Amino acid sequence: MHHYPLSRQPAVYIMASGRYGVLYIGVTMNLPERVWQHKNGLAPDGFTARYRVYDLVWYELFEHMPAAIAREKALKKWRREWKIRLVEEQNPEWLDLFDSLIR
């Protein structure tokens, strides 16, 4: 895996199986590498591979990991429609944002 500008920066992210599909919320210190792992079936939890959740549709960067973890925990408690609204505010077409991370 290559090192990209967003590696080593805490991030919370949402992946989806498609528009309005299955959602997965995660936290990481290396967003490009973690998303690559999900896309290639190498994520340890197996959830994203099992439900074909391969598109990065939203992410938020943080200065420190504790803040990112707190945000992840909060988002996981949100209602599904709130999560969908969050994605659509920044990514109304539900595009896969992975390529924009590695450029």
PDB file of N, CA and C in Angstrom:
ATOM      1  N   MET A   1       0.855  -1.185   0.000  1.00  0.00           N
ATOM      2  CA  MET A   1       0.000   0.000   0.000  1.00  0.00           C
ATOM      3  C   MET A   1       0.890   1.234   0.000  1.00  0.00           C
ATOM      4  N   HIS A   2       0.515   2.206  -0.779  1.00  0.00           N
ATOM      5  CA  HIS A   2       1.266   3.451  -0.864  1.00  0.00           C
ATOM      6  C   HIS A   2       0.892   4.363   0.291  1.00  0.00           C
ATOM      7  N   HIS A   3       1.766   5.332   0.563  1.00  0.00           N
ATOM      8  CA  HIS A   3       1.448   6.325   1.586  1.00  0.00           C
ATOM      9  C   HIS A   3       0.875   7.557   0.899  1.00  0.00           C
ATOM     10  N   TYR A   4      -0.267   7.979   1.341  1.00  0.00           N
ATOM     11  CA  TYR A   4      -0.956   9.116   0.764  1.00  0.00           C
ATOM     12  C   TYR A   4      -1.097  10.196   1.823  1.00  0.00           C
ATOM     13  N   PRO A   5      -1.438  11.429   1.429  1.00  0.00           N
ATOM     14  CA  PRO A   5      -1.518  12.526   2.393  1.00  0.00           C
ATOM     15  C   PRO A   5      -2.433  12.245   3.587  1.00  0.00           C
ATOM     16  N   LEU A   6      -3.491  11.454   3.406  1.00  0.00           N
ATOM     17  CA  LEU A   6      -4.422  11.217   4.509  1.00  0.00           C
ATOM     18  C   LEU A   6      -4.007  10.065   5.411  1.00  0.00           C
ATOM     19  N   SER A   7      -2.896   9.402   5.091  1.00  0.00           N
ATOM     20  CA  SER A   7      -2.457   8.348   5.997  1.00  0.00           C
ATOM     21  C   SER A   7      -1.944   9.001   7.274  1.00  0.00           C
ATOM     22  N   ARG A   8      -2.152   8.343   8.364  1.00  0.00           N
ATOM     23  CA  ARG A   8      -1.757   8.820   9.689  1.00  0.00           C
ATOM     24  C   ARG A   8      -2.606   9.983  10.189  1.00  0.00           C
ATOM     25  N   GLN A   9      -3.794  10.149   9.663  1.00  0.00           N
ATOM     26  CA  GLN A   9      -4.716  11.164  10.164  1.00  0.00           C
ATOM     27  C   GLN A   9      -6.009  10.471  10.572  1.00  0.00           C
ATOM     28  N   PRO A  10      -6.431  10.651  11.833  1.00  0.00           N
ATOM     29  CA  PRO A  10      -7.666   9.996  12.282  1.00  0.00           C
ATOM     30  C   PRO A  10      -8.861  10.399  11.419  1.00  0.00           C
ATOM     31  N   ALA A  11      -9.702   9.423  11.127  1.00  0.00           N
ATOM     32  CA  ALA A  11     -10.880   9.677  10.293  1.00  0.00           C
ATOM     33  C   ALA A  11     -12.011   8.739  10.685  1.00  0.00           C
ATOM     34  N   VAL A  12     -13.228   9.256  10.571  1.00  0.00           N
ATOM     35  CA  VAL A  12     -14.442   8.448  10.665  1.00  0.00           C
ATOM     36  C   VAL A  12     -14.987   8.388   9.248  1.00  0.00           C
ATOM     37  N   TYR A  13     -15.509   7.236   8.863  1.00  0.00           N
ATOM     38  CA  TYR A  13     -15.957   7.086   7.483  1.00  0.00           C
ATOM     39  C   TYR A  13     -17.223   6.241   7.421  1.00  0.00           C
ATOM     40  N   ILE A  14     -17.968   6.453   6.330  1.00  0.00           N
ATOM     41  CA  ILE A  14     -19.147   5.639   6.041  1.00  0.00           C
ATOM     42  C   ILE A  14     -18.943   5.005   4.671  1.00  0.00           C
ATOM     43  N   MET A  15     -19.135   3.696   4.635  1.00  0.00           N
ATOM     44  CA  MET A  15     -19.111   2.956   3.377  1.00  0.00           C
ATOM     45  C   MET A  15     -20.514   2.434   3.120  1.00  0.00           C
ATOM     46  N   ALA A  16     -20.842   2.229   1.848  1.00  0.00           N
ATOM     47  CA  ALA A  16     -22.187   1.785   1.481  1.00  0.00           C
ATOM     48  C   ALA A  16     -22.112   0.721   0.395  1.00  0.00           C
ATOM     49  N   SER A  17     -23.162  -0.091   0.343  1.00  0.00           N
ATOM     50  CA  SER A  17     -23.261  -1.116  -0.702  1.00  0.00           C
ATOM     51  C   SER A  17     -23.880  -0.540  -1.971  1.00  0.00           C
ATOM     52  N   GLY A  18     -24.179   0.733  -1.968  1.00  0.00           N
ATOM     53  CA  GLY A  18     -24.813   1.427  -3.083  1.00  0.00           C
ATOM     54  C   GLY A  18     -25.711   2.505  -2.505  1.00  0.00           C
ATOM     55  N   ARG A  19     -26.338   3.255  -3.366  1.00  0.00           N
ATOM     56  CA  ARG A  19     -27.220   4.324  -2.897  1.00  0.00           C
ATOM     57  C   ARG A  19     -28.324   3.737  -2.024  1.00  0.00           C
ATOM     58  N   TYR A  20     -28.445   4.246  -0.809  1.00  0.00           N
ATOM     59  CA  TYR A  20     -29.433   3.814   0.196  1.00  0.00           C
ATOM     60  C   TYR A  20     -29.276   2.347   0.591  1.00  0.00           C
ATOM     61  N   GLY A  21     -28.108   1.788   0.334  1.00  0.00           N
ATOM     62  CA  GLY A  21     -27.865   0.385   0.666  1.00  0.00           C
ATOM     63  C   GLY A  21     -27.404   0.204   2.102  1.00  0.00           C
ATOM     64  N   VAL A  22     -26.750  -0.921   2.348  1.00  0.00           N
ATOM     65  CA  VAL A  22     -26.201  -1.230   3.665  1.00  0.00           C
ATOM     66  C   VAL A  22     -25.104  -0.220   3.973  1.00  0.00           C
ATOM     67  N   LEU A  23     -25.103   0.302   5.199  1.00  0.00           N
ATOM     68  CA  LEU A  23     -24.098   1.273   5.625  1.00  0.00           C
ATOM     69  C   LEU A  23     -23.163   0.653   6.651  1.00  0.00           C
ATOM     70  N   TYR A  24     -21.902   1.068   6.594  1.00  0.00           N
ATOM     71  CA  TYR A  24     -20.904   0.647   7.571  1.00  0.00           C
ATOM     72  C   TYR A  24     -20.176   1.895   8.038  1.00  0.00           C
ATOM     73  N   ILE A  25     -20.064   2.070   9.350  1.00  0.00           N
ATOM     74  CA  ILE A  25     -19.343   3.203   9.923  1.00  0.00           C
ATOM     75  C   ILE A  25     -18.091   2.672  10.600  1.00  0.00           C
ATOM     76  N   GLY A  26     -16.963   3.308  10.317  1.00  0.00           N
ATOM     77  CA  GLY A  26     -15.707   2.886  10.923  1.00  0.00           C
ATOM     78  C   GLY A  26     -14.835   4.067  11.294  1.00  0.00           C
ATOM     79  N   VAL A  27     -13.754   3.769  12.008  1.00  0.00           N
ATOM     80  CA  VAL A  27     -12.763   4.773  12.399  1.00  0.00           C
ATOM     81  C   VAL A  27     -11.383   4.192  12.109  1.00  0.00           C
ATOM     82  N   THR A  28     -10.457   5.039  11.706  1.00  0.00           N
ATOM     83  CA  THR A  28      -9.125   4.564  11.330  1.00  0.00           C
ATOM     84  C   THR A  28      -8.091   5.670  11.468  1.00  0.00           C
ATOM     85  N   MET A  29      -6.830   5.266  11.510  1.00  0.00           N
ATOM     86  CA  MET A  29      -5.712   6.215  11.465  1.00  0.00           C
ATOM     87  C   MET A  29      -5.174   6.362  10.044  1.00  0.00           C
ATOM     88  N   ASN A  30      -5.640   5.525   9.126  1.00  0.00           N
ATOM     89  CA  ASN A  30      -5.123   5.555   7.760  1.00  0.00           C
ATOM     90  C   ASN A  30      -6.277   5.263   6.799  1.00  0.00           C
ATOM     91  N   LEU A  31      -7.001   6.300   6.434  1.00  0.00           N
ATOM     92  CA  LEU A  31      -8.215   6.131   5.634  1.00  0.00           C
ATOM     93  C   LEU A  31      -7.972   5.453   4.280  1.00  0.00           C
ATOM     94  N   PRO A  32      -6.994   5.886   3.491  1.00  0.00           N
ATOM     95  CA  PRO A  32      -6.810   5.210   2.194  1.00  0.00           C
ATOM     96  C   PRO A  32      -6.537   3.712   2.338  1.00  0.00           C
ATOM     97  N   GLU A  33      -5.678   3.347   3.274  1.00  0.00           N
ATOM     98  CA  GLU A  33      -5.353   1.932   3.447  1.00  0.00           C
ATOM     99  C   GLU A  33      -6.555   1.135   3.950  1.00  0.00           C
ATOM    100  N   ARG A  34      -7.287   1.696   4.904  1.00  0.00           N
ATOM    101  CA  ARG A  34      -8.435   0.984   5.470  1.00  0.00           C
ATOM    102  C   ARG A  34      -9.516   0.751   4.416  1.00  0.00           C
ATOM    103  N   VAL A  35      -9.814   1.769   3.625  1.00  0.00           N
ATOM    104  CA  VAL A  35     -10.830   1.617   2.574  1.00  0.00           C
ATOM    105  C   VAL A  35     -10.357   0.591   1.546  1.00  0.00           C
ATOM    106  N   TRP A  36      -9.077   0.635   1.200  1.00  0.00           N
ATOM    107  CA  TRP A  36      -8.525  -0.359   0.274  1.00  0.00           C
ATOM    108  C   TRP A  36      -8.727  -1.770   0.828  1.00  0.00           C
ATOM    109  N   GLN A  37      -8.501  -1.946   2.141  1.00  0.00           N
ATOM    110  CA  GLN A  37      -8.716  -3.252   2.771  1.00  0.00           C
ATOM    111  C   GLN A  37     -10.173  -3.697   2.629  1.00  0.00           C
ATOM    112  N   HIS A  38     -11.106  -2.774   2.892  1.00  0.00           N
ATOM    113  CA  HIS A  38     -12.532  -3.104   2.737  1.00  0.00           C
ATOM    114  C   HIS A  38     -12.829  -3.526   1.298  1.00  0.00           C
ATOM    115  N   LYS A  39     -12.336  -2.763   0.344  1.00  0.00           N
ATOM    116  CA  LYS A  39     -12.621  -3.034  -1.064  1.00  0.00           C
ATOM    117  C   LYS A  39     -12.055  -4.375  -1.535  1.00  0.00           C
ATOM    118  N   ASN A  40     -11.013  -4.828  -0.879  1.00  0.00           N
ATOM    119  CA  ASN A  40     -10.345  -6.057  -1.293  1.00  0.00           C
ATOM    120  C   ASN A  40     -10.619  -7.232  -0.362  1.00  0.00           C
ATOM    121  N   GLY A  41     -11.643  -7.096   0.477  1.00  0.00           N
ATOM    122  CA  GLY A  41     -12.052  -8.190   1.347  1.00  0.00           C
ATOM    123  C   GLY A  41     -11.056  -8.532   2.434  1.00  0.00           C
ATOM    124  N   LEU A  42     -10.209  -7.578   2.809  1.00  0.00           N
ATOM    125  CA  LEU A  42      -9.172  -7.831   3.805  1.00  0.00           C
ATOM    126  C   LEU A  42      -9.481  -7.221   5.162  1.00  0.00           C
ATOM    127  N   ALA A  43     -10.654  -6.629   5.325  1.00  0.00           N
ATOM    128  CA  ALA A  43     -11.025  -6.031   6.613  1.00  0.00           C
ATOM    129  C   ALA A  43     -11.271  -7.148   7.621  1.00  0.00           C
ATOM    130  N   PRO A  44     -10.695  -7.025   8.814  1.00  0.00           N
ATOM    131  CA  PRO A  44     -10.801  -8.106   9.798  1.00  0.00           C
ATOM    132  C   PRO A  44     -12.229  -8.455  10.228  1.00  0.00           C
ATOM    133  N   ASP A  45     -13.129  -7.478  10.215  1.00  0.00           N
ATOM    134  CA  ASP A  45     -14.488  -7.758  10.702  1.00  0.00           C
ATOM    135  C   ASP A  45     -15.314  -8.585   9.719  1.00  0.00           C
ATOM    136  N   GLY A  46     -14.993  -8.509   8.427  1.00  0.00           N
ATOM    137  CA  GLY A  46     -15.705  -9.290   7.427  1.00  0.00           C
ATOM    138  C   GLY A  46     -17.077  -8.759   7.045  1.00  0.00           C
ATOM    139  N   PHE A  47     -17.588  -7.777   7.771  1.00  0.00           N
ATOM    140  CA  PHE A  47     -18.926  -7.240   7.516  1.00  0.00           C
ATOM    141  C   PHE A  47     -19.029  -6.667   6.108  1.00  0.00           C
ATOM    142  N   THR A  48     -18.043  -5.846   5.740  1.00  0.00           N
ATOM    143  CA  THR A  48     -18.127  -5.172   4.444  1.00  0.00           C
ATOM    144  C   THR A  48     -18.062  -6.160   3.289  1.00  0.00           C
ATOM    145  N   ALA A  49     -17.284  -7.216   3.422  1.00  0.00           N
ATOM    146  CA  ALA A  49     -17.224  -8.239   2.368  1.00  0.00           C
ATOM    147  C   ALA A  49     -18.527  -9.027   2.317  1.00  0.00           C
ATOM    148  N   ARG A  50     -19.057  -9.384   3.477  1.00  0.00           N
ATOM    149  CA  ARG A  50     -20.281 -10.186   3.538  1.00  0.00           C
ATOM    150  C   ARG A  50     -21.461  -9.449   2.908  1.00  0.00           C
ATOM    151  N   TYR A  51     -21.549  -8.125   3.142  1.00  0.00           N
ATOM    152  CA  TYR A  51     -22.680  -7.343   2.628  1.00  0.00           C
ATOM    153  C   TYR A  51     -22.322  -6.501   1.403  1.00  0.00           C
ATOM    154  N   ARG A  52     -21.135  -6.726   0.842  1.00  0.00           N
ATOM    155  CA  ARG A  52     -20.672  -6.011  -0.355  1.00  0.00           C
ATOM    156  C   ARG A  52     -20.716  -4.493  -0.183  1.00  0.00           C
ATOM    157  N   VAL A  53     -20.183  -4.048   0.915  1.00  0.00           N
ATOM    158  CA  VAL A  53     -20.142  -2.622   1.250  1.00  0.00           C
ATOM    159  C   VAL A  53     -18.766  -2.101   0.821  1.00  0.00           C
ATOM    160  N   TYR A  54     -18.667  -1.629  -0.417  1.00  0.00           N
ATOM    161  CA  TYR A  54     -17.366  -1.297  -0.999  1.00  0.00           C
ATOM    162  C   TYR A  54     -17.170   0.178  -1.348  1.00  0.00           C
ATOM    163  N   ASP A  55     -18.208   1.007  -1.269  1.00  0.00           N
ATOM    164  CA  ASP A  55     -18.090   2.408  -1.682  1.00  0.00           C
ATOM    165  C   ASP A  55     -17.912   3.327  -0.483  1.00  0.00           C
ATOM    166  N   LEU A  56     -16.836   4.106  -0.498  1.00  0.00           N
ATOM    167  CA  LEU A  56     -16.627   5.141   0.514  1.00  0.00           C
ATOM    168  C   LEU A  56     -17.510   6.325   0.126  1.00  0.00           C
ATOM    169  N   VAL A  57     -18.526   6.626   0.928  1.00  0.00           N
ATOM    170  CA  VAL A  57     -19.475   7.676   0.548  1.00  0.00           C
ATOM    171  C   VAL A  57     -19.387   8.924   1.423  1.00  0.00           C
ATOM    172  N   TRP A  58     -18.673   8.834   2.556  1.00  0.00           N
ATOM    173  CA  TRP A  58     -18.546   9.987   3.455  1.00  0.00           C
ATOM    174  C   TRP A  58     -17.364   9.758   4.381  1.00  0.00           C
ATOM    175  N   TYR A  59     -16.672  10.847   4.721  1.00  0.00           N
ATOM    176  CA  TYR A  59     -15.644  10.755   5.760  1.00  0.00           C
ATOM    177  C   TYR A  59     -15.434  12.118   6.399  1.00  0.00           C
ATOM    178  N   GLU A  60     -14.882  12.086   7.595  1.00  0.00           N
ATOM    179  CA  GLU A  60     -14.587  13.290   8.360  1.00  0.00           C
ATOM    180  C   GLU A  60     -13.226  13.082   9.017  1.00  0.00           C
ATOM    181  N   LEU A  61     -12.358  14.083   8.903  1.00  0.00           N
ATOM    182  CA  LEU A  61     -11.004  13.997   9.445  1.00  0.00           C
ATOM    183  C   LEU A  61     -10.923  14.678  10.807  1.00  0.00           C
ATOM    184  N   PHE A  62     -10.018  14.200  11.636  1.00  0.00           N
ATOM    185  CA  PHE A  62      -9.845  14.714  12.994  1.00  0.00           C
ATOM    186  C   PHE A  62      -8.370  14.925  13.297  1.00  0.00           C
ATOM    187  N   GLU A  63      -8.108  15.807  14.262  1.00  0.00           N
ATOM    188  CA  GLU A  63      -6.738  16.032  14.721  1.00  0.00           C
ATOM    189  C   GLU A  63      -6.260  14.884  15.603  1.00  0.00           C
ATOM    190  N   HIS A  64      -7.169  14.360  16.435  1.00  0.00           N
ATOM    191  CA  HIS A  64      -6.785  13.357  17.427  1.00  0.00           C
ATOM    192  C   HIS A  64      -7.748  12.172  17.399  1.00  0.00           C
ATOM    193  N   MET A  65      -7.222  10.976  17.621  1.00  0.00           N
ATOM    194  CA  MET A  65      -8.012   9.753  17.566  1.00  0.00           C
ATOM    195  C   MET A  65      -9.153   9.715  18.584  1.00  0.00           C
ATOM    196  N   PRO A  66      -8.977  10.170  19.826  1.00  0.00           N
ATOM    197  CA  PRO A  66     -10.117  10.110  20.761  1.00  0.00           C
ATOM    198  C   PRO A  66     -11.358  10.849  20.245  1.00  0.00           C
ATOM    199  N   ALA A  67     -11.160  11.969  19.566  1.00  0.00           N
ATOM    200  CA  ALA A  67     -12.299  12.704  18.998  1.00  0.00           C
ATOM    201  C   ALA A  67     -12.948  11.902  17.873  1.00  0.00           C
ATOM    202  N   ALA A  68     -12.137  11.245  17.071  1.00  0.00           N
ATOM    203  CA  ALA A  68     -12.674  10.421  15.981  1.00  0.00           C
ATOM    204  C   ALA A  68     -13.468   9.242  16.538  1.00  0.00           C
ATOM    205  N   ILE A  69     -12.948   8.609  17.573  1.00  0.00           N
ATOM    206  CA  ILE A  69     -13.647   7.473  18.187  1.00  0.00           C
ATOM    207  C   ILE A  69     -14.977   7.918  18.778  1.00  0.00           C
ATOM    208  N   ALA A  70     -14.987   9.079  19.425  1.00  0.00           N
ATOM    209  CA  ALA A  70     -16.234   9.603  20.002  1.00  0.00           C
ATOM    210  C   ALA A  70     -17.261   9.873  18.902  1.00  0.00           C
ATOM    211  N   ARG A  71     -16.819  10.427  17.794  1.00  0.00           N
ATOM    212  CA  ARG A  71     -17.725  10.708  16.670  1.00  0.00           C
ATOM    213  C   ARG A  71     -18.269   9.405  16.082  1.00  0.00           C
ATOM    214  N   GLU A  72     -17.403   8.399  15.922  1.00  0.00           N
ATOM    215  CA  GLU A  72     -17.851   7.101  15.406  1.00  0.00           C
ATOM    216  C   GLU A  72     -18.931   6.514  16.306  1.00  0.00           C
ATOM    217  N   LYS A  73     -18.696   6.533  17.604  1.00  0.00           N
ATOM    218  CA  LYS A  73     -19.677   5.978  18.549  1.00  0.00           C
ATOM    219  C   LYS A  73     -20.997   6.724  18.465  1.00  0.00           C
ATOM    220  N   ALA A  74     -20.923   8.054  18.340  1.00  0.00           N
ATOM    221  CA  ALA A  74     -22.145   8.857  18.231  1.00  0.00           C
ATOM    222  C   ALA A  74     -22.904   8.516  16.945  1.00  0.00           C
ATOM    223  N   LEU A  75     -22.193   8.448  15.818  1.00  0.00           N
ATOM    224  CA  LEU A  75     -22.846   8.153  14.535  1.00  0.00           C
ATOM    225  C   LEU A  75     -23.504   6.778  14.532  1.00  0.00           C
ATOM    226  N   LYS A  76     -22.882   5.821  15.194  1.00  0.00           N
ATOM    227  CA  LYS A  76     -23.454   4.474  15.233  1.00  0.00           C
ATOM    228  C   LYS A  76     -24.777   4.439  15.986  1.00  0.00           C
ATOM    229  N   LYS A  77     -25.016   5.427  16.833  1.00  0.00           N
ATOM    230  CA  LYS A  77     -26.283   5.508  17.570  1.00  0.00           C
ATOM    231  C   LYS A  77     -27.356   6.272  16.799  1.00  0.00           C
ATOM    232  N   TRP A  78     -26.965   6.957  15.746  1.00  0.00           N
ATOM    233  CA  TRP A  78     -27.916   7.737  14.956  1.00  0.00           C
ATOM    234  C   TRP A  78     -28.908   6.829  14.245  1.00  0.00           C
ATOM    235  N   ARG A  79     -30.081   7.397  13.963  1.00  0.00           N
ATOM    236  CA  ARG A  79     -31.058   6.720  13.112  1.00  0.00           C
ATOM    237  C   ARG A  79     -30.518   6.647  11.687  1.00  0.00           C
ATOM    238  N   ARG A  80     -30.938   5.633  10.984  1.00  0.00           N
ATOM    239  CA  ARG A  80     -30.478   5.432   9.606  1.00  0.00           C
ATOM    240  C   ARG A  80     -30.737   6.656   8.724  1.00  0.00           C
ATOM    241  N   GLU A  81     -31.921   7.261   8.854  1.00  0.00           N
ATOM    242  CA  GLU A  81     -32.237   8.413   7.999  1.00  0.00           C
ATOM    243  C   GLU A  81     -31.303   9.594   8.269  1.00  0.00           C
ATOM    244  N   TRP A  82     -30.817   9.745   9.490  1.00  0.00           N
ATOM    245  CA  TRP A  82     -29.863  10.816   9.798  1.00  0.00           C
ATOM    246  C   TRP A  82     -28.527  10.552   9.110  1.00  0.00           C
ATOM    247  N   LYS A  83     -28.116   9.284   9.101  1.00  0.00           N
ATOM    248  CA  LYS A  83     -26.861   8.917   8.430  1.00  0.00           C
ATOM    249  C   LYS A  83     -26.974   9.166   6.925  1.00  0.00           C
ATOM    250  N   ILE A  84     -28.110   8.816   6.348  1.00  0.00           N
ATOM    251  CA  ILE A  84     -28.338   9.050   4.921  1.00  0.00           C
ATOM    252  C   ILE A  84     -28.282  10.544   4.625  1.00  0.00           C
ATOM    253  N   ARG A  85     -28.897  11.348   5.474  1.00  0.00           N
ATOM    254  CA  ARG A  85     -28.873  12.801   5.281  1.00  0.00           C
ATOM    255  C   ARG A  85     -27.441  13.333   5.357  1.00  0.00           C
ATOM    256  N   LEU A  86     -26.656  12.811   6.295  1.00  0.00           N
ATOM    257  CA  LEU A  86     -25.259  13.223   6.431  1.00  0.00           C
ATOM    258  C   LEU A  86     -24.489  12.944   5.141  1.00  0.00           C
ATOM    259  N   VAL A  87     -24.660  11.766   4.585  1.00  0.00           N
ATOM    260  CA  VAL A  87     -23.994  11.416   3.322  1.00  0.00           C
ATOM    261  C   VAL A  87     -24.459  12.357   2.219  1.00  0.00           C
ATOM    262  N   GLU A  88     -25.759  12.558   2.104  1.00  0.00           N
ATOM    263  CA  GLU A  88     -26.299  13.341   0.989  1.00  0.00           C
ATOM    264  C   GLU A  88     -25.944  14.818   1.065  1.00  0.00           C
ATOM    265  N   GLU A  89     -25.667  15.332   2.266  1.00  0.00           N
ATOM    266  CA  GLU A  89     -25.240  16.728   2.382  1.00  0.00           C
ATOM    267  C   GLU A  89     -23.893  16.946   1.692  1.00  0.00           C
ATOM    268  N   GLN A  90     -22.998  15.980   1.766  1.00  0.00           N
ATOM    269  CA  GLN A  90     -21.664  16.132   1.177  1.00  0.00           C
ATOM    270  C   GLN A  90     -21.488  15.354  -0.120  1.00  0.00           C
ATOM    271  N   ASN A  91     -22.310  14.347  -0.335  1.00  0.00           N
ATOM    272  CA  ASN A  91     -22.133  13.467  -1.497  1.00  0.00           C
ATOM    273  C   ASN A  91     -23.508  13.045  -2.034  1.00  0.00           C
ATOM    274  N   PRO A  92     -24.259  14.001  -2.603  1.00  0.00           N
ATOM    275  CA  PRO A  92     -25.640  13.714  -3.012  1.00  0.00           C
ATOM    276  C   PRO A  92     -25.778  12.607  -4.054  1.00  0.00           C
ATOM    277  N   GLU A  93     -24.739  12.350  -4.827  1.00  0.00           N
ATOM    278  CA  GLU A  93     -24.797  11.300  -5.848  1.00  0.00           C
ATOM    279  C   GLU A  93     -24.315   9.949  -5.323  1.00  0.00           C
ATOM    280  N   TRP A  94     -23.903   9.897  -4.065  1.00  0.00           N
ATOM    281  CA  TRP A  94     -23.388   8.661  -3.463  1.00  0.00           C
ATOM    282  C   TRP A  94     -22.209   8.105  -4.275  1.00  0.00           C
ATOM    283  N   LEU A  95     -21.339   8.991  -4.739  1.00  0.00           N
ATOM    284  CA  LEU A  95     -20.160   8.568  -5.489  1.00  0.00           C
ATOM    285  C   LEU A  95     -19.164   7.887  -4.553  1.00  0.00           C
ATOM    286  N   ASP A  96     -18.376   6.979  -5.088  1.00  0.00           N
ATOM    287  CA  ASP A  96     -17.299   6.353  -4.326  1.00  0.00           C
ATOM    288  C   ASP A  96     -16.147   7.360  -4.258  1.00  0.00           C
ATOM    289  N   LEU A  97     -15.800   7.802  -3.065  1.00  0.00           N
ATOM    290  CA  LEU A  97     -14.801   8.845  -2.870  1.00  0.00           C
ATOM    291  C   LEU A  97     -13.372   8.305  -2.782  1.00  0.00           C
ATOM    292  N   PHE A  98     -13.200   7.012  -2.896  1.00  0.00           N
ATOM    293  CA  PHE A  98     -11.873   6.417  -2.720  1.00  0.00           C
ATOM    294  C   PHE A  98     -10.837   7.008  -3.672  1.00  0.00           C
ATOM    295  N   ASP A  99     -11.178   7.131  -4.952  1.00  0.00           N
ATOM    296  CA  ASP A  99     -10.208   7.651  -5.922  1.00  0.00           C
ATOM    297  C   ASP A  99      -9.738   9.054  -5.566  1.00  0.00           C
ATOM    298  N   SER A 100     -10.619   9.865  -4.972  1.00  0.00           N
ATOM    299  CA  SER A 100     -10.221  11.221  -4.590  1.00  0.00           C
ATOM    300  C   SER A 100      -9.230  11.206  -3.422  1.00  0.00           C
ATOM    301  N   LEU A 101      -9.186  10.130  -2.658  1.00  0.00           N
ATOM    302  CA  LEU A 101      -8.237  10.024  -1.546  1.00  0.00           C
ATOM    303  C   LEU A 101      -6.822   9.779  -2.024  1.00  0.00           C
ATOM    304  N   ILE A 102      -6.686   9.071  -3.124  1.00  0.00           N
ATOM    305  CA  ILE A 102      -5.364   8.617  -3.539  1.00  0.00           C
ATOM    306  C   ILE A 102      -4.769   9.450  -4.667  1.00  0.00           C
ATOM    307  N   ARG A 103      -5.374  10.553  -4.979  1.00  0.00           N
ATOM    308  CA  ARG A 103      -4.828  11.432  -6.032  1.00  0.00           C
ATOM    309  C   ARG A 103      -4.027  12.539  -5.424  1.00  0.00           C
TER     310      ARG A 103
END
